[in-house]
Amino acid sequence: MPALWIAHVTVTDEEAYGKYAALATEAIAAHGGTFIARGGRYVQLEGKERPRNVVARFPSVEAAEACYRSERYQEALSHARGASERELLVVETTE
């Protein structure tokens, strides 16, 4: 079953986070991920507001997890740490 990678982010260092975004984009694509929402307009209805929201579709939960654990994504993540506050989850879709 396909899965969605959902990130809610507050960027605190634009330059460092830009490095993360470039590397993460490559890692996500290498694991079959495609972006379906990336920093667009949103409406916060509940919970902590994060101004950057990203959703990527993966072929499976396992593919999304493999991406997260990959050397390339971990390299990307090293730029996001200290440059953002974020939550990330993967959820299986019903399609």
PDB file of N, CA and C in Angstrom:
ATOM      1  N   MET A   1       0.840  -1.182   0.000  1.00  0.00           N
ATOM      2  CA  MET A   1       0.000   0.000   0.000  1.00  0.00           C
ATOM      3  C   MET A   1       0.889   1.251   0.000  1.00  0.00           C
ATOM      4  N   PRO A   2       0.484   2.277  -0.739  1.00  0.00           N
ATOM      5  CA  PRO A   2       1.231   3.543  -0.720  1.00  0.00           C
ATOM      6  C   PRO A   2       1.219   4.169   0.675  1.00  0.00           C
ATOM      7  N   ALA A   3       2.152   5.071   0.885  1.00  0.00           N
ATOM      8  CA  ALA A   3       2.262   5.746   2.172  1.00  0.00           C
ATOM      9  C   ALA A   3       2.563   7.215   1.947  1.00  0.00           C
ATOM     10  N   LEU A   4       2.161   8.031   2.915  1.00  0.00           N
ATOM     11  CA  LEU A   4       2.443   9.463   2.879  1.00  0.00           C
ATOM     12  C   LEU A   4       3.444   9.807   3.974  1.00  0.00           C
ATOM     13  N   TRP A   5       4.441  10.568   3.583  1.00  0.00           N
ATOM     14  CA  TRP A   5       5.458  11.121   4.488  1.00  0.00           C
ATOM     15  C   TRP A   5       4.993  12.552   4.748  1.00  0.00           C
ATOM     16  N   ILE A   6       4.695  12.879   5.988  1.00  0.00           N
ATOM     17  CA  ILE A   6       4.118  14.174   6.322  1.00  0.00           C
ATOM     18  C   ILE A   6       5.028  14.879   7.320  1.00  0.00           C
ATOM     19  N   ALA A   7       5.498  16.058   6.929  1.00  0.00           N
ATOM     20  CA  ALA A   7       6.389  16.839   7.788  1.00  0.00           C
ATOM     21  C   ALA A   7       5.758  18.194   8.074  1.00  0.00           C
ATOM     22  N   HIS A   8       5.834  18.604   9.325  1.00  0.00           N
ATOM     23  CA  HIS A   8       5.387  19.926   9.760  1.00  0.00           C
ATOM     24  C   HIS A   8       6.621  20.618  10.324  1.00  0.00           C
ATOM     25  N   VAL A   9       6.970  21.788   9.772  1.00  0.00           N
ATOM     26  CA  VAL A   9       8.280  22.373  10.048  1.00  0.00           C
ATOM     27  C   VAL A   9       8.191  23.876  10.328  1.00  0.00           C
ATOM     28  N   THR A  10       8.982  24.315  11.291  1.00  0.00           N
ATOM     29  CA  THR A  10       9.281  25.723  11.491  1.00  0.00           C
ATOM     30  C   THR A  10      10.772  25.871  11.225  1.00  0.00           C
ATOM     31  N   VAL A  11      11.126  26.617  10.197  1.00  0.00           N
ATOM     32  CA  VAL A  11      12.523  26.816   9.832  1.00  0.00           C
ATOM     33  C   VAL A  11      13.090  27.965  10.659  1.00  0.00           C
ATOM     34  N   THR A  12      14.249  27.730  11.284  1.00  0.00           N
ATOM     35  CA  THR A  12      14.902  28.755  12.094  1.00  0.00           C
ATOM     36  C   THR A  12      16.208  29.248  11.467  1.00  0.00           C
ATOM     37  N   ASP A  13      16.728  28.527  10.470  1.00  0.00           N
ATOM     38  CA  ASP A  13      17.943  28.923   9.752  1.00  0.00           C
ATOM     39  C   ASP A  13      17.733  28.577   8.278  1.00  0.00           C
ATOM     40  N   GLU A  14      17.352  29.573   7.492  1.00  0.00           N
ATOM     41  CA  GLU A  14      17.003  29.353   6.080  1.00  0.00           C
ATOM     42  C   GLU A  14      18.161  28.763   5.270  1.00  0.00           C
ATOM     43  N   GLU A  15      19.366  29.243   5.491  1.00  0.00           N
ATOM     44  CA  GLU A  15      20.514  28.772   4.705  1.00  0.00           C
ATOM     45  C   GLU A  15      20.791  27.285   4.949  1.00  0.00           C
ATOM     46  N   ALA A  16      20.879  26.903   6.201  1.00  0.00           N
ATOM     47  CA  ALA A  16      21.126  25.499   6.534  1.00  0.00           C
ATOM     48  C   ALA A  16      19.964  24.626   6.079  1.00  0.00           C
ATOM     49  N   TYR A  17      18.740  25.119   6.253  1.00  0.00           N
ATOM     50  CA  TYR A  17      17.585  24.315   5.858  1.00  0.00           C
ATOM     51  C   TYR A  17      17.526  24.152   4.343  1.00  0.00           C
ATOM     52  N   GLY A  18      18.008  25.133   3.611  1.00  0.00           N
ATOM     53  CA  GLY A  18      18.084  25.010   2.155  1.00  0.00           C
ATOM     54  C   GLY A  18      18.980  23.859   1.745  1.00  0.00           C
ATOM     55  N   LYS A  19      20.087  23.652   2.462  1.00  0.00           N
ATOM     56  CA  LYS A  19      20.979  22.516   2.187  1.00  0.00           C
ATOM     57  C   LYS A  19      20.249  21.207   2.460  1.00  0.00           C
ATOM     58  N   TYR A  20      19.516  21.172   3.577  1.00  0.00           N
ATOM     59  CA  TYR A  20      18.710  19.990   3.887  1.00  0.00           C
ATOM     60  C   TYR A  20      17.736  19.702   2.752  1.00  0.00           C
ATOM     61  N   ALA A  21      16.999  20.708   2.316  1.00  0.00           N
ATOM     62  CA  ALA A  21      15.952  20.514   1.314  1.00  0.00           C
ATOM     63  C   ALA A  21      16.523  19.959   0.013  1.00  0.00           C
ATOM     64  N   ALA A  22      17.667  20.461  -0.421  1.00  0.00           N
ATOM     65  CA  ALA A  22      18.274  19.985  -1.667  1.00  0.00           C
ATOM     66  C   ALA A  22      18.657  18.518  -1.560  1.00  0.00           C
ATOM     67  N   LEU A  23      19.307  18.136  -0.476  1.00  0.00           N
ATOM     68  CA  LEU A  23      19.729  16.745  -0.298  1.00  0.00           C
ATOM     69  C   LEU A  23      18.536  15.823  -0.050  1.00  0.00           C
ATOM     70  N   ALA A  24      17.570  16.288   0.730  1.00  0.00           N
ATOM     71  CA  ALA A  24      16.386  15.477   1.031  1.00  0.00           C
ATOM     72  C   ALA A  24      15.584  15.200  -0.227  1.00  0.00           C
ATOM     73  N   THR A  25      15.482  16.184  -1.107  1.00  0.00           N
ATOM     74  CA  THR A  25      14.753  15.997  -2.361  1.00  0.00           C
ATOM     75  C   THR A  25      15.360  14.850  -3.160  1.00  0.00           C
ATOM     76  N   GLU A  26      16.680  14.799  -3.227  1.00  0.00           N
ATOM     77  CA  GLU A  26      17.366  13.716  -3.942  1.00  0.00           C
ATOM     78  C   GLU A  26      17.104  12.364  -3.289  1.00  0.00           C
ATOM     79  N   ALA A  27      17.197  12.315  -1.960  1.00  0.00           N
ATOM     80  CA  ALA A  27      16.988  11.057  -1.237  1.00  0.00           C
ATOM     81  C   ALA A  27      15.561  10.557  -1.403  1.00  0.00           C
ATOM     82  N   ILE A  28      14.613  11.456  -1.321  1.00  0.00           N
ATOM     83  CA  ILE A  28      13.203  11.079  -1.456  1.00  0.00           C
ATOM     84  C   ILE A  28      12.942  10.524  -2.851  1.00  0.00           C
ATOM     85  N   ALA A  29      13.431  11.189  -3.870  1.00  0.00           N
ATOM     86  CA  ALA A  29      13.247  10.703  -5.252  1.00  0.00           C
ATOM     87  C   ALA A  29      13.915   9.347  -5.450  1.00  0.00           C
ATOM     88  N   ALA A  30      15.081   9.143  -4.867  1.00  0.00           N
ATOM     89  CA  ALA A  30      15.810   7.880  -5.018  1.00  0.00           C
ATOM     90  C   ALA A  30      15.063   6.700  -4.403  1.00  0.00           C
ATOM     91  N   HIS A  31      14.141   6.977  -3.490  1.00  0.00           N
ATOM     92  CA  HIS A  31      13.351   5.916  -2.850  1.00  0.00           C
ATOM     93  C   HIS A  31      11.918   5.864  -3.368  1.00  0.00           C
ATOM     94  N   GLY A  32      11.683   6.472  -4.513  1.00  0.00           N
ATOM     95  CA  GLY A  32      10.362   6.401  -5.135  1.00  0.00           C
ATOM     96  C   GLY A  32       9.370   7.408  -4.615  1.00  0.00           C
ATOM     97  N   GLY A  33       9.832   8.388  -3.848  1.00  0.00           N
ATOM     98  CA  GLY A  33       8.932   9.389  -3.300  1.00  0.00           C
ATOM     99  C   GLY A  33       8.681  10.521  -4.282  1.00  0.00           C
ATOM    100  N   THR A  34       7.450  11.030  -4.272  1.00  0.00           N
ATOM    101  CA  THR A  34       7.086  12.188  -5.086  1.00  0.00           C
ATOM    102  C   THR A  34       6.335  13.172  -4.196  1.00  0.00           C
ATOM    103  N   PHE A  35       6.640  14.448  -4.364  1.00  0.00           N
ATOM    104  CA  PHE A  35       5.990  15.467  -3.550  1.00  0.00           C
ATOM    105  C   PHE A  35       4.585  15.745  -4.071  1.00  0.00           C
ATOM    106  N   ILE A  36       3.624  15.815  -3.137  1.00  0.00           N
ATOM    107  CA  ILE A  36       2.267  16.196  -3.517  1.00  0.00           C
ATOM    108  C   ILE A  36       1.865  17.512  -2.848  1.00  0.00           C
ATOM    109  N   ALA A  37       2.625  17.937  -1.835  1.00  0.00           N
ATOM    110  CA  ALA A  37       2.446  19.260  -1.212  1.00  0.00           C
ATOM    111  C   ALA A  37       3.797  19.650  -0.637  1.00  0.00           C
ATOM    112  N   ARG A  38       4.145  20.911  -0.850  1.00  0.00           N
ATOM    113  CA  ARG A  38       5.471  21.342  -0.386  1.00  0.00           C
ATOM    114  C   ARG A  38       5.446  22.835  -0.079  1.00  0.00           C
ATOM    115  N   GLY A  39       5.115  23.150   1.173  1.00  0.00           N
ATOM    116  CA  GLY A  39       5.165  24.537   1.606  1.00  0.00           C
ATOM    117  C   GLY A  39       4.055  25.421   1.076  1.00  0.00           C
ATOM    118  N   GLY A  40       2.970  24.847   0.605  1.00  0.00           N
ATOM    119  CA  GLY A  40       1.868  25.643   0.056  1.00  0.00           C
ATOM    120  C   GLY A  40       0.955  26.214   1.123  1.00  0.00           C
ATOM    121  N   ARG A  41      -0.091  26.813   0.647  1.00  0.00           N
ATOM    122  CA  ARG A  41      -1.104  27.416   1.516  1.00  0.00           C
ATOM    123  C   ARG A  41      -1.723  26.344   2.408  1.00  0.00           C
ATOM    124  N   TYR A  42      -2.010  26.701   3.652  1.00  0.00           N
ATOM    125  CA  TYR A  42      -2.621  25.757   4.583  1.00  0.00           C
ATOM    126  C   TYR A  42      -3.528  26.505   5.553  1.00  0.00           C
ATOM    127  N   VAL A  43      -4.367  25.765   6.228  1.00  0.00           N
ATOM    128  CA  VAL A  43      -5.213  26.301   7.286  1.00  0.00           C
ATOM    129  C   VAL A  43      -4.991  25.424   8.508  1.00  0.00           C
ATOM    130  N   GLN A  44      -4.542  26.022   9.605  1.00  0.00           N
ATOM    131  CA  GLN A  44      -4.293  25.286  10.847  1.00  0.00           C
ATOM    132  C   GLN A  44      -5.601  25.203  11.621  1.00  0.00           C
ATOM    133  N   LEU A  45      -6.104  24.017  11.826  1.00  0.00           N
ATOM    134  CA  LEU A  45      -7.365  23.848  12.546  1.00  0.00           C
ATOM    135  C   LEU A  45      -7.163  23.382  13.979  1.00  0.00           C
ATOM    136  N   GLU A  46      -6.114  22.596  14.225  1.00  0.00           N
ATOM    137  CA  GLU A  46      -5.824  22.113  15.574  1.00  0.00           C
ATOM    138  C   GLU A  46      -4.322  21.934  15.719  1.00  0.00           C
ATOM    139  N   GLY A  47      -3.850  21.884  16.944  1.00  0.00           N
ATOM    140  CA  GLY A  47      -2.456  21.567  17.218  1.00  0.00           C
ATOM    141  C   GLY A  47      -1.504  22.728  16.981  1.00  0.00           C
ATOM    142  N   LYS A  48      -0.229  22.417  17.107  1.00  0.00           N
ATOM    143  CA  LYS A  48       0.839  23.419  16.968  1.00  0.00           C
ATOM    144  C   LYS A  48       1.000  23.811  15.509  1.00  0.00           C
ATOM    145  N   GLU A  49       0.976  25.099  15.271  1.00  0.00           N
ATOM    146  CA  GLU A  49       1.133  25.599  13.907  1.00  0.00           C
ATOM    147  C   GLU A  49       2.593  25.539  13.489  1.00  0.00           C
ATOM    148  N   ARG A  50       2.835  25.005  12.299  1.00  0.00           N
ATOM    149  CA  ARG A  50       4.150  24.985  11.663  1.00  0.00           C
ATOM    150  C   ARG A  50       3.954  25.583  10.274  1.00  0.00           C
ATOM    151  N   PRO A  51       4.689  26.627   9.917  1.00  0.00           N
ATOM    152  CA  PRO A  51       4.432  27.317   8.655  1.00  0.00           C
ATOM    153  C   PRO A  51       4.850  26.567   7.394  1.00  0.00           C
ATOM    154  N   ARG A  52       5.650  25.512   7.519  1.00  0.00           N
ATOM    155  CA  ARG A  52       6.043  24.741   6.336  1.00  0.00           C
ATOM    156  C   ARG A  52       5.513  23.322   6.511  1.00  0.00           C
ATOM    157  N   ASN A  53       4.725  22.871   5.547  1.00  0.00           N
ATOM    158  CA  ASN A  53       4.128  21.547   5.594  1.00  0.00           C
ATOM    159  C   ASN A  53       4.429  20.843   4.285  1.00  0.00           C
ATOM    160  N   VAL A  54       4.933  19.611   4.387  1.00  0.00           N
ATOM    161  CA  VAL A  54       5.371  18.862   3.216  1.00  0.00           C
ATOM    162  C   VAL A  54       4.737  17.477   3.252  1.00  0.00           C
ATOM    163  N   VAL A  55       4.217  17.040   2.096  1.00  0.00           N
ATOM    164  CA  VAL A  55       3.668  15.695   1.972  1.00  0.00           C
ATOM    165  C   VAL A  55       4.288  15.059   0.731  1.00  0.00           C
ATOM    166  N   ALA A  56       4.855  13.867   0.912  1.00  0.00           N
ATOM    167  CA  ALA A  56       5.397  13.099  -0.209  1.00  0.00           C
ATOM    168  C   ALA A  56       4.739  11.728  -0.209  1.00  0.00           C
ATOM    169  N   ARG A  57       4.479  11.221  -1.401  1.00  0.00           N
ATOM    170  CA  ARG A  57       3.889   9.881  -1.543  1.00  0.00           C
ATOM    171  C   ARG A  57       5.015   8.904  -1.858  1.00  0.00           C
ATOM    172  N   PHE A  58       5.014   7.774  -1.154  1.00  0.00           N
ATOM    173  CA  PHE A  58       5.968   6.686  -1.371  1.00  0.00           C
ATOM    174  C   PHE A  58       5.214   5.419  -1.756  1.00  0.00           C
ATOM    175  N   PRO A  59       5.893   4.481  -2.393  1.00  0.00           N
ATOM    176  CA  PRO A  59       5.230   3.227  -2.769  1.00  0.00           C
ATOM    177  C   PRO A  59       4.740   2.420  -1.562  1.00  0.00           C
ATOM    178  N   SER A  60       5.391   2.604  -0.400  1.00  0.00           N
ATOM    179  CA  SER A  60       5.016   1.842   0.793  1.00  0.00           C
ATOM    180  C   SER A  60       5.603   2.505   2.037  1.00  0.00           C
ATOM    181  N   VAL A  61       5.122   2.089   3.194  1.00  0.00           N
ATOM    182  CA  VAL A  61       5.696   2.548   4.454  1.00  0.00           C
ATOM    183  C   VAL A  61       7.173   2.160   4.511  1.00  0.00           C
ATOM    184  N   GLU A  62       7.470   0.946   4.047  1.00  0.00           N
ATOM    185  CA  GLU A  62       8.845   0.455   4.081  1.00  0.00           C
ATOM    186  C   GLU A  62       9.778   1.311   3.225  1.00  0.00           C
ATOM    187  N   ALA A  63       9.300   1.752   2.064  1.00  0.00           N
ATOM    188  CA  ALA A  63      10.118   2.615   1.199  1.00  0.00           C
ATOM    189  C   ALA A  63      10.378   3.961   1.878  1.00  0.00           C
ATOM    190  N   ALA A  64       9.372   4.499   2.546  1.00  0.00           N
ATOM    191  CA  ALA A  64       9.538   5.769   3.257  1.00  0.00           C
ATOM    192  C   ALA A  64      10.520   5.612   4.412  1.00  0.00           C
ATOM    193  N   GLU A  65      10.401   4.518   5.154  1.00  0.00           N
ATOM    194  CA  GLU A  65      11.340   4.266   6.248  1.00  0.00           C
ATOM    195  C   GLU A  65      12.755   4.064   5.730  1.00  0.00           C
ATOM    196  N   ALA A  66      12.891   3.344   4.624  1.00  0.00           N
ATOM    197  CA  ALA A  66      14.218   3.126   4.036  1.00  0.00           C
ATOM    198  C   ALA A  66      14.833   4.448   3.617  1.00  0.00           C
ATOM    199  N   CYS A  67      14.024   5.341   3.080  1.00  0.00           N
ATOM    200  CA  CYS A  67      14.502   6.668   2.722  1.00  0.00           C
ATOM    201  C   CYS A  67      15.013   7.383   3.960  1.00  0.00           C
ATOM    202  N   TYR A  68      14.217   7.410   5.008  1.00  0.00           N
ATOM    203  CA  TYR A  68      14.595   8.111   6.237  1.00  0.00           C
ATOM    204  C   TYR A  68      15.906   7.569   6.798  1.00  0.00           C
ATOM    205  N   ARG A  69      16.087   6.281   6.760  1.00  0.00           N
ATOM    206  CA  ARG A  69      17.267   5.654   7.344  1.00  0.00           C
ATOM    207  C   ARG A  69      18.475   5.649   6.397  1.00  0.00           C
ATOM    208  N   SER A  70      18.272   6.074   5.163  1.00  0.00           N
ATOM    209  CA  SER A  70      19.361   6.045   4.173  1.00  0.00           C
ATOM    210  C   SER A  70      20.476   7.026   4.534  1.00  0.00           C
ATOM    211  N   GLU A  71      21.664   6.711   4.065  1.00  0.00           N
ATOM    212  CA  GLU A  71      22.826   7.571   4.308  1.00  0.00           C
ATOM    213  C   GLU A  71      22.589   8.973   3.740  1.00  0.00           C
ATOM    214  N   ARG A  72      22.006   9.051   2.552  1.00  0.00           N
ATOM    215  CA  ARG A  72      21.778  10.345   1.902  1.00  0.00           C
ATOM    216  C   ARG A  72      20.795  11.205   2.706  1.00  0.00           C
ATOM    217  N   TYR A  73      19.702  10.603   3.170  1.00  0.00           N
ATOM    218  CA  TYR A  73      18.734  11.388   3.938  1.00  0.00           C
ATOM    219  C   TYR A  73      19.321  11.794   5.290  1.00  0.00           C
ATOM    220  N   GLN A  74      20.066  10.903   5.918  1.00  0.00           N
ATOM    221  CA  GLN A  74      20.684  11.248   7.200  1.00  0.00           C
ATOM    222  C   GLN A  74      21.682  12.390   7.032  1.00  0.00           C
ATOM    223  N   GLU A  75      22.384  12.417   5.900  1.00  0.00           N
ATOM    224  CA  GLU A  75      23.260  13.542   5.599  1.00  0.00           C
ATOM    225  C   GLU A  75      22.432  14.830   5.492  1.00  0.00           C
ATOM    226  N   ALA A  76      21.313  14.744   4.787  1.00  0.00           N
ATOM    227  CA  ALA A  76      20.420  15.901   4.667  1.00  0.00           C
ATOM    228  C   ALA A  76      19.935  16.345   6.039  1.00  0.00           C
ATOM    229  N   LEU A  77      19.522  15.389   6.835  1.00  0.00           N
ATOM    230  CA  LEU A  77      18.966  15.680   8.155  1.00  0.00           C
ATOM    231  C   LEU A  77      19.974  16.387   9.056  1.00  0.00           C
ATOM    232  N   SER A  78      21.251  16.146   8.848  1.00  0.00           N
ATOM    233  CA  SER A  78      22.267  16.822   9.659  1.00  0.00           C
ATOM    234  C   SER A  78      22.201  18.338   9.470  1.00  0.00           C
ATOM    235  N   HIS A  79      21.708  18.805   8.326  1.00  0.00           N
ATOM    236  CA  HIS A  79      21.552  20.241   8.084  1.00  0.00           C
ATOM    237  C   HIS A  79      20.262  20.787   8.697  1.00  0.00           C
ATOM    238  N   ALA A  80      19.251  19.937   8.844  1.00  0.00           N
ATOM    239  CA  ALA A  80      17.972  20.372   9.404  1.00  0.00           C
ATOM    240  C   ALA A  80      18.029  20.489  10.917  1.00  0.00           C
ATOM    241  N   ARG A  81      18.830  19.634  11.538  1.00  0.00           N
ATOM    242  CA  ARG A  81      18.955  19.693  12.998  1.00  0.00           C
ATOM    243  C   ARG A  81      19.589  21.022  13.377  1.00  0.00           C
ATOM    244  N   GLY A  82      18.989  21.731  14.285  1.00  0.00           N
ATOM    245  CA  GLY A  82      19.488  23.039  14.677  1.00  0.00           C
ATOM    246  C   GLY A  82      19.037  24.154  13.754  1.00  0.00           C
ATOM    247  N   ALA A  83      18.424  23.802  12.622  1.00  0.00           N
ATOM    248  CA  ALA A  83      17.943  24.798  11.663  1.00  0.00           C
ATOM    249  C   ALA A  83      16.420  24.774  11.560  1.00  0.00           C
ATOM    250  N   SER A  84      15.785  23.896  12.361  1.00  0.00           N
ATOM    251  CA  SER A  84      14.333  23.770  12.277  1.00  0.00           C
ATOM    252  C   SER A  84      13.786  23.058  13.507  1.00  0.00           C
ATOM    253  N   GLU A  85      12.497  23.256  13.709  1.00  0.00           N
ATOM    254  CA  GLU A  85      11.717  22.465  14.658  1.00  0.00           C
ATOM    255  C   GLU A  85      10.738  21.712  13.791  1.00  0.00           C
ATOM    256  N   ARG A  86      10.611  20.396  13.976  1.00  0.00           N
ATOM    257  CA  ARG A  86       9.827  19.624  13.023  1.00  0.00           C
ATOM    258  C   ARG A  86       9.231  18.367  13.627  1.00  0.00           C
ATOM    259  N   GLU A  87       8.171  17.945  13.019  1.00  0.00           N
ATOM    260  CA  GLU A  87       7.577  16.640  13.280  1.00  0.00           C
ATOM    261  C   GLU A  87       7.512  15.933  11.936  1.00  0.00           C
ATOM    262  N   LEU A  88       7.732  14.635  11.933  1.00  0.00           N
ATOM    263  CA  LEU A  88       7.677  13.842  10.703  1.00  0.00           C
ATOM    264  C   LEU A  88       7.008  12.517  11.027  1.00  0.00           C
ATOM    265  N   LEU A  89       6.075  12.126  10.178  1.00  0.00           N
ATOM    266  CA  LEU A  89       5.428  10.830  10.336  1.00  0.00           C
ATOM    267  C   LEU A  89       5.159  10.233   8.972  1.00  0.00           C
ATOM    268  N   VAL A  90       4.985   8.933   8.957  1.00  0.00           N
ATOM    269  CA  VAL A  90       4.616   8.209   7.737  1.00  0.00           C
ATOM    270  C   VAL A  90       3.325   7.468   8.053  1.00  0.00           C
ATOM    271  N   VAL A  91       2.362   7.585   7.142  1.00  0.00           N
ATOM    272  CA  VAL A  91       1.079   6.912   7.336  1.00  0.00           C
ATOM    273  C   VAL A  91       0.698   6.186   6.045  1.00  0.00           C
ATOM    274  N   GLU A  92       0.256   4.959   6.202  1.00  0.00           N
ATOM    275  CA  GLU A  92      -0.185   4.166   5.053  1.00  0.00           C
ATOM    276  C   GLU A  92      -1.519   4.695   4.551  1.00  0.00           C
ATOM    277  N   THR A  93      -1.677   4.756   3.238  1.00  0.00           N
ATOM    278  CA  THR A  93      -2.932   5.231   2.676  1.00  0.00           C
ATOM    279  C   THR A  93      -3.902   4.065   2.499  1.00  0.00           C
ATOM    280  N   THR A  94      -5.137   4.393   2.180  1.00  0.00           N
ATOM    281  CA  THR A  94      -6.136   3.343   1.959  1.00  0.00           C
ATOM    282  C   THR A  94      -6.264   2.992   0.486  1.00  0.00           C
ATOM    283  N   GLU A  95      -5.513   3.653  -0.364  1.00  0.00           N
ATOM    284  CA  GLU A  95      -5.581   3.385  -1.808  1.00  0.00           C
ATOM    285  C   GLU A  95      -4.622   2.288  -2.208  1.00  0.00           C
TER     286      GLU A  95
END
